[in-house]
Amino acid sequence: MIYLDNGATSFPKPRQVTDAVMEAMTQYCANPGRSSHFLAARTAQEIYKTRTALALLLGLEDAGRIVFTKNGTEALNLALKGILRPGDHVITSSMEHNAVLRPLKQLEASGVEVTILPCDREGRLKPHQIRHAIRPETRMIVLTAASNVTGTLMPLEEVGRMTLRRGILFCVDGAQGAGHMVIDAKAQHIDLLAAPGHKGLLGPQGTGFLYVRPGLSLRPLLAGGTGSRSRELEQPLDFPDGYEAGTVNAPGIIGLGAGVRLLNKIGIEAVCQHERELTEKLQRGLRAIAGVTVYGPSDCREKTAVAAWNLEGRPCEEIALALNDRFGIAVRAGLHCSGLAHETIGTQDIGCVRMCPGFYTGEEEIRKTLEAVRELAAER
């Protein structure tokens, strides 16, 4: 199988990740923060190692402000619903995933005002658009680091400086950025960073996190046992346990730590260069095929490892099925849980095929993929 669906989840997982999960589940994985015996203490220690590895990779000022969640969607819900209140104004873009837009739609019904800024046909957002949309009551700007449809990068540095000067919170959806591009929360003035663990961070599914910068408080999304302040009926607001009610996914989080430590060892710049070179070859080859339309920036320095395209006269779902059944190539087709992004690039009625090379993709796999697309194009 040629796996080009890394935008959905990374595959295969590194041996370091599977080994860490297996060791945890067979050697020591008790309930962290609940007991004082060796097994529980070891589990808590390994989870903390994951926090410190994430802090190193993503420029997080305080590892203790990382809240583990079951995925990036939960992390975004915690960030948005934990801070925004009726009367607040929030700014976002038309390239966002529904993990941002649907929580905002719910909050809009309770009195939060939402401004969705239109991006251009390549998915780009200009900083001046945000500047002009800011109001006195603007509480937050929330942006994806990179589009999950086209890979288009958002202007994180410029927006971070803008929010810092104006005292506005900056929330970043790192689902398609973490592990694929340089993210430095401190340098980019990111107040809240949400991400899943199973995509570019190479961890198991069922893992995610929200980083909340020091000095910022929010309302917990879930209430229950935390292993702390057990005499009190009010939910604690201590970080991180006050926001991690119930038993966390310890094996998954420990596996995530192994994946992040691998990225720290290799260097995110090396990962970016590898994926960019593959995407350039893939995108250049697709554009050379008659009948293929490629969406998003042509310059791969403006995007992550995503190639979005369609073949004239063939539904994208049909193409994805043929790639799977006839050539053993895994891709994703459709609207990618991002209907507004498809409206932005003009594919709201047809969707598109999305190919995402990853950490383990090789040049030979790109060559075979392009051969398969050429064969399908010749059959039109």
Protein backbone atom coordinates (compact mmCIF):
# COMPACT_ATOMS: atom_id res chain seq x y z
CA MET A 1 0.00 0.00 0.00
CA ILE A 2 1.19 3.50 -0.84
CA TYR A 3 -0.15 5.60 2.02
CA LEU A 4 -0.89 9.23 1.10
CA ASP A 5 -3.56 9.97 3.72
CA ASN A 6 -1.28 11.46 6.38
CA GLY A 7 -3.58 14.49 6.63
CA ALA A 8 -6.12 12.18 8.27
CA THR A 9 -3.65 10.26 10.44
CA SER A 10 0.03 9.38 10.11
CA PHE A 11 0.88 5.82 9.11
CA PRO A 12 2.82 3.73 9.85
CA LYS A 13 3.69 4.73 13.40
CA PRO A 14 7.38 4.68 14.33
CA ARG A 15 8.64 1.57 16.11
CA GLN A 16 9.52 3.80 19.06
CA VAL A 17 5.82 4.64 19.44
CA THR A 18 4.48 1.09 19.28
CA ASP A 19 7.23 -0.14 21.59
CA ALA A 20 6.45 2.58 24.16
CA VAL A 21 2.73 1.74 24.11
CA MET A 22 3.38 -1.98 24.45
CA GLU A 23 5.88 -1.49 27.27
CA ALA A 24 3.45 0.74 29.16
CA MET A 25 0.55 -1.67 28.82
CA THR A 26 2.54 -4.75 29.79
CA GLN A 27 5.05 -3.42 32.32
CA TYR A 28 3.72 -0.56 34.42
CA CYS A 29 0.58 1.26 33.24
CA ALA A 30 -1.40 2.03 36.43
CA ASN A 31 -3.63 5.07 37.07
CA PRO A 32 -1.47 8.23 37.22
CA GLY A 33 -2.11 10.77 39.96
CA ARG A 34 -4.39 8.45 41.88
CA SER A 35 -2.03 6.20 43.85
CA SER A 36 1.44 6.41 45.35
CA HIS A 37 2.74 2.99 44.38
CA PHE A 38 5.57 2.49 41.91
CA LEU A 39 3.42 1.61 38.89
CA ALA A 40 1.26 4.73 39.21
CA ALA A 41 4.30 6.91 39.84
CA ARG A 42 6.09 5.52 36.79
CA THR A 43 3.03 6.15 34.62
CA ALA A 44 2.77 9.75 35.85
CA GLN A 45 6.48 10.25 35.20
CA GLU A 46 6.22 8.99 31.62
CA ILE A 47 3.21 11.23 30.95
CA TYR A 48 5.18 14.21 32.24
CA LYS A 49 8.00 13.30 29.85
CA THR A 50 5.49 13.69 27.02
CA ARG A 51 4.61 17.17 28.28
CA THR A 52 8.27 18.21 28.32
CA ALA A 53 8.87 16.76 24.84
CA LEU A 54 5.90 18.73 23.46
CA ALA A 55 7.12 21.89 25.18
CA LEU A 56 10.54 21.50 23.54
CA LEU A 57 9.13 20.84 20.07
CA LEU A 58 6.50 23.59 20.05
CA GLY A 59 8.11 26.36 22.11
CA LEU A 60 5.70 26.02 25.02
CA GLU A 61 6.71 28.11 27.99
CA ASP A 62 5.36 25.84 30.74
CA ALA A 63 4.93 22.08 30.24
CA GLY A 64 2.52 22.02 33.18
CA ARG A 65 0.04 24.06 31.14
CA ILE A 66 -0.45 21.24 28.61
CA VAL A 67 -3.88 19.60 29.00
CA PHE A 68 -4.24 16.18 27.39
CA THR A 69 -7.45 15.47 25.47
CA LYS A 70 -8.72 12.62 23.33
CA ASN A 71 -8.13 14.55 20.08
CA GLY A 72 -7.62 18.00 18.60
CA THR A 73 -11.36 18.61 18.33
CA GLU A 74 -11.84 18.26 22.08
CA ALA A 75 -8.89 20.57 22.65
CA LEU A 76 -10.43 23.24 20.41
CA ASN A 77 -13.79 22.92 22.14
CA LEU A 78 -12.07 23.40 25.50
CA ALA A 79 -10.26 26.50 24.23
CA LEU A 80 -13.27 28.14 22.60
CA LYS A 81 -16.01 27.21 25.06
CA GLY A 82 -13.72 27.67 28.04
CA ILE A 83 -13.05 31.34 27.25
CA LEU A 84 -15.65 32.92 24.97
CA ARG A 85 -18.75 34.41 26.57
CA PRO A 86 -21.90 36.19 25.27
CA GLY A 87 -20.93 39.59 23.90
CA ASP A 88 -17.42 38.50 22.91
CA HIS A 89 -16.32 38.82 19.29
CA VAL A 90 -14.11 36.22 17.59
CA ILE A 91 -12.40 36.35 14.19
CA THR A 92 -11.58 33.30 12.07
CA SER A 93 -11.07 32.36 8.42
CA SER A 94 -12.97 30.56 5.67
CA MET A 95 -10.28 27.83 5.55
CA GLU A 96 -11.02 26.43 8.98
CA HIS A 97 -11.94 22.84 9.76
CA ASN A 98 -15.35 22.13 11.26
CA ALA A 99 -13.55 21.45 14.54
CA VAL A 100 -13.31 25.25 14.77
CA LEU A 101 -16.39 26.39 12.88
CA ARG A 102 -18.98 24.12 14.49
CA PRO A 103 -18.08 25.06 18.10
CA LEU A 104 -18.16 28.70 17.02
CA LYS A 105 -21.60 28.16 15.48
CA GLN A 106 -22.81 26.77 18.81
CA LEU A 107 -21.32 29.74 20.66
CA GLU A 108 -22.90 32.14 18.18
CA ALA A 109 -26.31 30.86 19.26
CA SER A 110 -25.49 31.86 22.84
CA GLY A 111 -24.46 35.42 21.96
CA VAL A 112 -20.85 35.23 20.77
CA GLU A 113 -20.30 37.25 17.56
CA VAL A 114 -18.30 35.47 14.86
CA THR A 115 -16.58 37.04 11.86
CA ILE A 116 -15.38 34.61 9.16
CA LEU A 117 -12.88 36.30 6.86
CA PRO A 118 -12.81 35.11 3.22
CA CYS A 119 -9.49 33.76 1.96
CA ASP A 120 -8.40 33.90 -1.68
CA ARG A 121 -8.76 31.00 -4.12
CA GLU A 122 -5.47 29.49 -2.94
CA GLY A 123 -6.61 29.67 0.68
CA ARG A 124 -4.44 32.63 1.69
CA LEU A 125 -5.45 35.12 4.37
CA LYS A 126 -3.90 38.60 4.48
CA PRO A 127 -3.05 40.10 7.90
CA HIS A 128 -4.69 43.41 6.95
CA GLN A 129 -8.03 41.59 6.68
CA ILE A 130 -7.80 40.70 10.35
CA ARG A 131 -6.65 44.19 11.30
CA HIS A 132 -9.70 45.74 9.68
CA ALA A 133 -12.07 43.22 11.33
CA ILE A 134 -10.93 43.89 14.91
CA ARG A 135 -13.49 45.60 17.14
CA PRO A 136 -13.32 46.85 20.73
CA GLU A 137 -15.13 43.69 21.85
CA THR A 138 -12.85 41.29 19.90
CA ARG A 139 -11.76 38.67 22.42
CA MET A 140 -10.01 36.09 20.26
CA ILE A 141 -8.60 35.31 16.83
CA VAL A 142 -8.60 31.60 15.97
CA LEU A 143 -6.78 30.27 12.91
CA THR A 144 -5.56 26.98 11.57
CA ALA A 145 -1.79 26.74 11.23
CA ALA A 146 -2.29 25.19 7.79
CA SER A 147 -5.36 24.23 5.79
CA ASN A 148 -6.32 20.56 5.82
CA VAL A 149 -7.65 20.94 2.26
CA THR A 150 -4.87 22.80 0.43
CA GLY A 151 -2.08 22.93 3.03
CA THR A 152 -2.01 26.74 2.77
CA LEU A 153 -0.07 28.32 5.64
CA MET A 154 -1.66 31.04 7.74
CA PRO A 155 0.31 34.17 8.77
CA LEU A 156 0.88 33.08 12.38
CA GLU A 157 3.80 35.42 13.11
CA GLU A 158 2.03 38.53 11.85
CA VAL A 159 -1.24 37.70 13.61
CA GLY A 160 0.58 36.83 16.83
CA ARG A 161 2.27 40.23 16.92
CA MET A 162 -1.05 41.91 16.15
CA THR A 163 -2.90 40.16 18.97
CA LEU A 164 -0.08 40.83 21.43
CA ARG A 165 -0.20 44.58 20.76
CA ARG A 166 -3.98 44.71 21.10
CA GLY A 167 -4.46 42.39 24.06
CA ILE A 168 -6.47 39.86 22.02
CA LEU A 169 -6.14 36.13 22.54
CA PHE A 170 -4.61 34.08 19.73
CA CYS A 171 -5.78 30.47 19.40
CA VAL A 172 -4.15 28.18 16.81
CA ASP A 173 -5.51 24.90 15.46
CA GLY A 174 -2.29 22.96 14.97
CA ALA A 175 -3.86 19.81 13.50
CA GLN A 176 -2.13 20.16 10.13
CA GLY A 177 0.87 22.11 11.41
CA ALA A 178 2.29 20.33 14.45
CA GLY A 179 4.99 17.97 13.24
CA HIS A 180 4.88 19.36 9.69
CA MET A 181 6.14 22.93 10.20
CA VAL A 182 7.91 25.06 12.75
CA ILE A 183 5.53 26.18 15.48
CA ASP A 184 6.93 28.20 18.37
CA ALA A 185 4.12 29.30 20.66
CA LYS A 186 6.29 31.70 22.64
CA ALA A 187 7.95 33.36 19.63
CA GLN A 188 4.67 33.51 17.67
CA HIS A 189 2.69 34.81 20.70
CA ILE A 190 0.20 31.94 20.63
CA ASP A 191 -2.00 31.93 23.72
CA LEU A 192 -3.79 28.64 23.04
CA LEU A 193 -2.45 25.83 20.86
CA ALA A 194 -4.62 22.79 20.13
CA ALA A 195 -3.47 19.71 18.25
CA PRO A 196 -4.13 15.99 17.86
CA GLY A 197 -1.37 13.55 18.68
CA HIS A 198 -1.98 11.10 15.83
CA LYS A 199 -1.14 13.21 12.78
CA GLY A 200 2.22 14.94 12.32
CA LEU A 201 3.27 14.20 15.91
CA LEU A 202 3.28 10.47 15.02
CA GLY A 203 1.41 9.33 18.15
CA PRO A 204 -1.51 6.92 18.56
CA GLN A 205 -5.10 7.85 17.77
CA GLY A 206 -7.16 8.98 20.74
CA THR A 207 -4.58 11.56 21.84
CA GLY A 208 -4.49 15.35 21.68
CA PHE A 209 -3.69 18.36 23.80
CA LEU A 210 -4.39 22.02 24.49
CA TYR A 211 -1.63 24.34 25.63
CA VAL A 212 -2.80 27.35 27.66
CA ARG A 213 -0.23 30.08 28.24
CA PRO A 214 0.56 31.06 31.85
CA GLY A 215 -1.78 33.65 33.33
CA LEU A 216 -4.77 32.59 31.25
CA SER A 217 -7.70 30.81 32.90
CA LEU A 218 -10.62 29.00 31.30
CA ARG A 219 -13.71 27.03 32.26
CA PRO A 220 -13.26 23.21 32.27
CA LEU A 221 -15.17 21.33 29.60
CA LEU A 222 -15.54 18.22 31.75
CA ALA A 223 -16.03 17.85 35.52
CA GLY A 224 -15.16 14.87 37.69
CA GLY A 225 -12.37 13.17 39.57
CA THR A 226 -8.89 14.66 39.23
CA GLY A 227 -6.99 12.97 42.05
CA SER A 228 -6.71 16.36 43.77
CA ARG A 229 -8.91 18.47 46.11
CA SER A 230 -11.22 15.48 46.54
CA ARG A 231 -13.08 17.04 49.48
CA GLU A 232 -14.30 19.88 47.24
CA LEU A 233 -17.37 19.54 45.01
CA GLU A 234 -16.35 22.43 42.77
CA GLN A 235 -14.18 21.42 39.84
CA PRO A 236 -10.54 22.42 40.51
CA LEU A 237 -8.97 24.96 38.15
CA ASP A 238 -5.41 23.75 38.72
CA PHE A 239 -3.35 22.91 35.64
CA PRO A 240 -3.32 20.37 34.21
CA ASP A 241 -5.38 17.98 36.38
CA GLY A 242 -8.39 20.29 36.76
CA TYR A 243 -8.93 19.98 32.99
CA GLU A 244 -8.20 16.25 32.70
CA ALA A 245 -11.13 14.82 34.69
CA GLY A 246 -11.22 11.04 34.79
CA THR A 247 -8.50 8.60 33.77
CA VAL A 248 -6.38 9.83 30.89
CA ASN A 249 -5.28 7.69 27.95
CA ALA A 250 -1.91 6.91 29.54
CA PRO A 251 -0.65 4.36 26.95
CA GLY A 252 -1.57 6.70 24.10
CA ILE A 253 0.02 9.73 25.74
CA ILE A 254 3.19 7.76 26.47
CA GLY A 255 3.29 6.62 22.83
CA LEU A 256 2.80 10.23 21.75
CA GLY A 257 5.81 11.19 23.82
CA ALA A 258 7.93 8.66 21.95
CA GLY A 259 6.84 10.12 18.62
CA VAL A 260 7.55 13.69 19.71
CA ARG A 261 10.98 12.77 21.07
CA LEU A 262 11.77 11.22 17.68
CA LEU A 263 10.80 14.48 15.96
CA ASN A 264 12.96 16.43 18.42
CA LYS A 265 15.89 14.15 17.64
CA ILE A 266 15.53 14.39 13.86
CA GLY A 267 14.63 18.08 13.84
CA ILE A 268 11.42 19.55 12.50
CA GLU A 269 13.34 21.40 9.77
CA ALA A 270 14.54 18.08 8.32
CA VAL A 271 10.99 16.71 8.35
CA CYS A 272 9.71 19.86 6.62
CA GLN A 273 12.38 19.66 3.92
CA HIS A 274 11.66 15.98 3.21
CA GLU A 275 7.92 16.51 2.95
CA ARG A 276 8.29 19.69 0.89
CA GLU A 277 10.53 17.96 -1.67
CA LEU A 278 8.03 15.14 -2.06
CA THR A 279 5.10 17.55 -2.38
CA GLU A 280 6.94 19.56 -5.04
CA LYS A 281 7.52 16.41 -7.11
CA LEU A 282 3.92 15.30 -6.63
CA GLN A 283 2.39 18.67 -7.43
CA ARG A 284 4.63 19.30 -10.43
CA GLY A 285 3.77 15.86 -11.83
CA LEU A 286 0.04 16.35 -11.30
CA ARG A 287 0.04 19.74 -13.04
CA ALA A 288 1.67 18.15 -16.08
CA ILE A 289 -1.17 15.65 -16.56
CA ALA A 290 -3.88 16.70 -19.00
CA GLY A 291 -7.26 17.13 -17.33
CA VAL A 292 -5.89 17.52 -13.79
CA THR A 293 -6.63 20.69 -11.82
CA VAL A 294 -4.50 21.31 -8.72
CA TYR A 295 -5.72 23.62 -5.96
CA GLY A 296 -3.84 25.77 -3.48
CA PRO A 297 -0.49 27.57 -3.72
CA SER A 298 1.86 26.42 -6.48
CA ASP A 299 4.85 27.39 -4.30
CA CYS A 300 5.31 24.60 -1.76
CA ARG A 301 7.00 27.01 0.64
CA GLU A 302 3.52 28.45 1.20
CA LYS A 303 1.97 25.15 2.23
CA THR A 304 2.43 21.90 4.11
CA ALA A 305 2.57 18.48 2.46
CA VAL A 306 -0.85 18.49 0.77
CA ALA A 307 -1.75 18.11 -2.90
CA ALA A 308 -5.45 18.74 -3.63
CA TRP A 309 -6.69 18.03 -7.13
CA ASN A 310 -9.43 16.80 -9.43
CA LEU A 311 -9.51 14.97 -12.75
CA GLU A 312 -11.90 16.45 -15.30
CA GLY A 313 -14.94 14.28 -15.94
CA ARG A 314 -14.38 11.90 -13.01
CA PRO A 315 -15.88 12.34 -9.52
CA CYS A 316 -13.20 12.61 -6.86
CA GLU A 317 -14.68 9.69 -4.89
CA GLU A 318 -14.44 7.50 -8.00
CA ILE A 319 -10.79 8.45 -8.44
CA ALA A 320 -10.00 7.64 -4.80
CA LEU A 321 -11.71 4.26 -5.13
CA ALA A 322 -9.80 3.43 -8.31
CA LEU A 323 -6.48 4.43 -6.74
CA ASN A 324 -7.22 2.12 -3.81
CA ASP A 325 -8.67 -0.86 -5.69
CA ARG A 326 -6.40 -0.92 -8.73
CA PHE A 327 -3.15 0.61 -7.52
CA GLY A 328 -3.09 0.18 -3.74
CA ILE A 329 -2.84 3.93 -3.10
CA ALA A 330 -4.59 5.39 -0.05
CA VAL A 331 -5.94 8.95 -0.42
CA ARG A 332 -8.96 10.88 0.80
CA ALA A 333 -11.71 12.38 -1.37
CA GLY A 334 -14.69 14.60 -0.62
CA LEU A 335 -15.11 17.77 1.44
CA HIS A 336 -12.68 16.84 4.24
CA CYS A 337 -14.91 18.21 7.06
CA SER A 338 -14.17 21.69 5.69
CA GLY A 339 -17.13 22.84 3.62
CA LEU A 340 -16.25 26.55 3.77
CA ALA A 341 -12.71 25.83 2.61
CA HIS A 342 -14.10 24.09 -0.44
CA GLU A 343 -16.39 27.06 -1.10
CA THR A 344 -13.28 29.24 -0.92
CA ILE A 345 -11.38 27.27 -3.57
CA GLY A 346 -14.49 26.65 -5.69
CA THR A 347 -14.97 22.92 -5.12
CA GLN A 348 -18.01 22.98 -2.85
CA ASP A 349 -20.09 20.95 -5.32
CA ILE A 350 -17.46 18.39 -6.31
CA GLY A 351 -14.94 18.10 -3.48
CA CYS A 352 -11.42 17.01 -4.41
CA VAL A 353 -8.81 14.28 -4.07
CA ARG A 354 -6.30 14.97 -1.30
CA MET A 355 -2.83 13.41 -1.24
CA CYS A 356 -0.62 13.96 1.80
CA PRO A 357 2.95 12.60 1.76
CA GLY A 358 4.42 12.06 5.19
CA PHE A 359 7.43 11.20 7.27
CA TYR A 360 7.74 7.69 5.80
CA THR A 361 6.83 8.46 2.17
CA GLY A 362 9.57 7.88 -0.41
CA GLU A 363 10.28 9.27 -3.89
CA GLU A 364 9.52 5.93 -5.54
CA GLU A 365 6.04 6.01 -4.07
CA ILE A 366 5.47 9.46 -5.56
CA ARG A 367 6.65 8.22 -8.96
CA LYS A 368 4.25 5.24 -8.86
CA THR A 369 1.41 7.48 -7.76
CA LEU A 370 1.92 9.81 -10.70
CA GLU A 371 2.00 6.83 -13.06
CA ALA A 372 -1.35 5.70 -11.66
CA VAL A 373 -2.91 9.15 -12.12
CA ARG A 374 -1.63 9.30 -15.70
CA GLU A 375 -3.24 5.94 -16.40
CA LEU A 376 -6.57 7.11 -14.97
CA ALA A 377 -6.36 10.36 -16.94
CA ALA A 378 -5.77 8.44 -20.17
CA GLU A 379 -9.05 6.57 -19.64
CA ARG A 380 -11.23 9.69 -19.64
